[in-house]
Amino acid sequence: MSGHEGPWLAEGSDDILQENMVISVEPGIYWRQGGYRHSDTVLITADGYRKLTDFPSDLESMALA
């Protein structure tokens, strides 16, 4: 096991998401001075997905004052 393992949610990936898989969605923004990554854990369902992470995801809630 490593820091990250498939299935991959990336352009060019051949991985197929299947019902009952649990995956993390981790978009990131980076620049010279640093960066930011937000992570959600989701369950793949028969009709889409269900977010398991219960944290705010709007920019104002995630930014430091």
N, C-alpha and C. Protein backbone atom coordinates (compact mmCIF):
# COMPACT_ATOMS: atom_id res chain seq x y z
N MET A 1 0.85 -1.16 0.00
CA MET A 1 0.00 0.00 0.00
C MET A 1 0.90 1.23 0.00
N SER A 2 0.53 2.21 -0.79
CA SER A 2 1.30 3.44 -0.86
C SER A 2 0.41 4.63 -0.51
N GLY A 3 0.95 5.83 -0.65
CA GLY A 3 0.18 7.04 -0.35
C GLY A 3 -1.06 7.17 -1.20
N HIS A 4 -0.96 6.78 -2.46
CA HIS A 4 -2.11 6.82 -3.36
C HIS A 4 -2.16 5.50 -4.12
N GLU A 5 -3.34 5.00 -4.34
CA GLU A 5 -3.51 3.77 -5.12
C GLU A 5 -4.78 3.87 -5.94
N GLY A 6 -4.84 3.10 -7.01
CA GLY A 6 -5.99 3.12 -7.90
C GLY A 6 -7.26 2.68 -7.20
N PRO A 7 -8.39 2.94 -7.83
CA PRO A 7 -8.54 3.46 -9.19
C PRO A 7 -8.23 4.95 -9.24
N TRP A 8 -7.80 5.39 -10.42
CA TRP A 8 -7.41 6.79 -10.62
C TRP A 8 -8.52 7.58 -11.29
N LEU A 9 -8.74 8.78 -10.81
CA LEU A 9 -9.67 9.72 -11.43
C LEU A 9 -8.82 10.74 -12.16
N ALA A 10 -8.31 10.34 -13.31
CA ALA A 10 -7.39 11.21 -14.04
C ALA A 10 -7.59 11.03 -15.54
N GLU A 11 -7.33 12.09 -16.27
CA GLU A 11 -7.41 12.04 -17.72
C GLU A 11 -6.50 10.92 -18.23
N GLY A 12 -7.02 10.07 -19.09
CA GLY A 12 -6.25 8.97 -19.66
C GLY A 12 -6.32 7.68 -18.87
N SER A 13 -6.95 7.70 -17.69
CA SER A 13 -7.05 6.48 -16.89
C SER A 13 -8.05 5.51 -17.52
N ASP A 14 -7.72 4.23 -17.50
CA ASP A 14 -8.63 3.19 -17.99
C ASP A 14 -9.44 2.57 -16.86
N ASP A 15 -9.24 3.03 -15.64
CA ASP A 15 -9.95 2.47 -14.49
C ASP A 15 -11.45 2.70 -14.62
N ILE A 16 -12.23 1.71 -14.22
CA ILE A 16 -13.69 1.79 -14.27
C ILE A 16 -14.21 1.79 -12.84
N LEU A 17 -14.96 2.82 -12.49
CA LEU A 17 -15.55 2.90 -11.16
C LEU A 17 -16.75 1.98 -11.09
N GLN A 18 -16.84 1.24 -9.97
CA GLN A 18 -17.93 0.29 -9.79
C GLN A 18 -18.66 0.57 -8.49
N GLU A 19 -19.91 0.17 -8.45
CA GLU A 19 -20.74 0.36 -7.26
C GLU A 19 -20.03 -0.22 -6.03
N ASN A 20 -20.13 0.50 -4.92
CA ASN A 20 -19.57 0.15 -3.61
C ASN A 20 -18.07 0.42 -3.47
N MET A 21 -17.43 0.98 -4.49
CA MET A 21 -16.05 1.43 -4.32
C MET A 21 -16.07 2.70 -3.48
N VAL A 22 -15.05 2.89 -2.66
CA VAL A 22 -14.87 4.13 -1.91
C VAL A 22 -13.60 4.78 -2.44
N ILE A 23 -13.70 6.03 -2.86
CA ILE A 23 -12.57 6.74 -3.45
C ILE A 23 -12.43 8.12 -2.83
N SER A 24 -11.27 8.72 -3.01
CA SER A 24 -11.08 10.10 -2.58
C SER A 24 -10.97 10.99 -3.82
N VAL A 25 -11.56 12.16 -3.71
CA VAL A 25 -11.49 13.17 -4.77
C VAL A 25 -10.68 14.32 -4.17
N GLU A 26 -9.50 14.59 -4.75
CA GLU A 26 -8.56 15.53 -4.14
C GLU A 26 -8.07 16.59 -5.14
N PRO A 27 -8.93 17.52 -5.51
CA PRO A 27 -8.44 18.57 -6.41
C PRO A 27 -7.45 19.48 -5.67
N GLY A 28 -6.46 19.97 -6.39
CA GLY A 28 -5.47 20.83 -5.77
C GLY A 28 -5.16 22.04 -6.63
N ILE A 29 -4.73 23.10 -5.98
CA ILE A 29 -4.29 24.33 -6.65
C ILE A 29 -2.90 24.63 -6.11
N TYR A 30 -1.94 24.84 -7.01
CA TYR A 30 -0.56 25.08 -6.60
C TYR A 30 0.03 26.26 -7.34
N TRP A 31 0.89 27.00 -6.68
CA TRP A 31 1.63 28.10 -7.29
C TRP A 31 2.97 28.17 -6.57
N ARG A 32 3.82 29.10 -6.93
CA ARG A 32 5.18 29.15 -6.37
C ARG A 32 5.23 29.25 -4.86
N GLN A 33 4.35 30.02 -4.26
CA GLN A 33 4.40 30.24 -2.81
C GLN A 33 3.78 29.10 -2.01
N GLY A 34 3.11 28.18 -2.63
CA GLY A 34 2.47 27.09 -1.88
C GLY A 34 1.31 26.51 -2.65
N GLY A 35 0.38 25.96 -1.92
CA GLY A 35 -0.76 25.35 -2.58
C GLY A 35 -1.84 24.96 -1.60
N TYR A 36 -2.87 24.35 -2.15
CA TYR A 36 -4.03 23.95 -1.36
C TYR A 36 -4.64 22.71 -1.99
N ARG A 37 -5.02 21.77 -1.15
CA ARG A 37 -5.70 20.57 -1.64
C ARG A 37 -6.91 20.31 -0.75
N HIS A 38 -8.05 20.07 -1.37
CA HIS A 38 -9.29 19.74 -0.66
C HIS A 38 -9.61 18.29 -0.97
N SER A 39 -10.03 17.53 0.02
CA SER A 39 -10.29 16.11 -0.19
C SER A 39 -11.69 15.73 0.28
N ASP A 40 -12.39 14.99 -0.54
CA ASP A 40 -13.67 14.39 -0.16
C ASP A 40 -13.58 12.89 -0.37
N THR A 41 -14.21 12.13 0.50
CA THR A 41 -14.30 10.68 0.35
C THR A 41 -15.72 10.38 -0.13
N VAL A 42 -15.84 9.60 -1.20
CA VAL A 42 -17.16 9.31 -1.78
C VAL A 42 -17.34 7.82 -1.99
N LEU A 43 -18.58 7.39 -1.88
CA LEU A 43 -18.99 6.01 -2.16
C LEU A 43 -19.65 5.99 -3.52
N ILE A 44 -19.19 5.13 -4.40
CA ILE A 44 -19.82 4.98 -5.72
C ILE A 44 -21.10 4.17 -5.54
N THR A 45 -22.22 4.70 -6.02
CA THR A 45 -23.52 4.04 -5.89
C THR A 45 -24.04 3.64 -7.27
N ALA A 46 -25.15 2.93 -7.29
CA ALA A 46 -25.73 2.47 -8.55
C ALA A 46 -26.15 3.65 -9.44
N ASP A 47 -26.51 4.78 -8.82
CA ASP A 47 -26.99 5.92 -9.62
C ASP A 47 -26.10 7.15 -9.50
N GLY A 48 -24.85 6.97 -9.08
CA GLY A 48 -23.93 8.11 -8.98
C GLY A 48 -22.95 7.93 -7.84
N TYR A 49 -23.03 8.82 -6.84
CA TYR A 49 -22.13 8.75 -5.70
C TYR A 49 -22.79 9.37 -4.48
N ARG A 50 -22.24 9.05 -3.30
CA ARG A 50 -22.68 9.66 -2.05
C ARG A 50 -21.44 10.16 -1.33
N LYS A 51 -21.41 11.43 -1.00
CA LYS A 51 -20.29 12.04 -0.30
C LYS A 51 -20.29 11.59 1.15
N LEU A 52 -19.18 11.01 1.60
CA LEU A 52 -19.07 10.52 2.97
C LEU A 52 -18.44 11.55 3.89
N THR A 53 -17.72 12.50 3.34
CA THR A 53 -17.07 13.54 4.11
C THR A 53 -18.09 14.62 4.46
N ASP A 54 -18.13 15.02 5.72
CA ASP A 54 -19.12 16.00 6.16
C ASP A 54 -18.41 17.29 6.60
N PHE A 55 -17.78 17.97 5.64
CA PHE A 55 -17.10 19.23 5.90
C PHE A 55 -17.54 20.24 4.86
N PRO A 56 -17.50 21.53 5.17
CA PRO A 56 -17.86 22.55 4.17
C PRO A 56 -16.93 22.46 2.96
N SER A 57 -17.45 22.81 1.80
CA SER A 57 -16.62 22.80 0.59
C SER A 57 -16.66 24.13 -0.15
N ASP A 58 -17.30 25.14 0.44
CA ASP A 58 -17.29 26.46 -0.20
C ASP A 58 -15.99 27.18 0.15
N LEU A 59 -15.51 28.02 -0.76
CA LEU A 59 -14.23 28.70 -0.61
C LEU A 59 -14.13 29.50 0.68
N GLU A 60 -15.17 30.22 1.04
CA GLU A 60 -15.13 31.06 2.24
C GLU A 60 -14.89 30.23 3.51
N SER A 61 -15.52 29.06 3.60
CA SER A 61 -15.34 28.21 4.78
C SER A 61 -13.97 27.58 4.86
N MET A 62 -13.32 27.40 3.70
CA MET A 62 -12.03 26.72 3.67
C MET A 62 -10.83 27.67 3.71
N ALA A 63 -11.06 28.97 3.62
CA ALA A 63 -9.96 29.95 3.60
C ALA A 63 -9.64 30.43 5.01
N LEU A 64 -8.35 30.70 5.23
CA LEU A 64 -7.93 31.27 6.50
C LEU A 64 -8.11 32.79 6.46
N ALA A 65 -8.54 33.35 7.57
CA ALA A 65 -8.76 34.79 7.63
C ALA A 65 -7.46 35.55 7.68
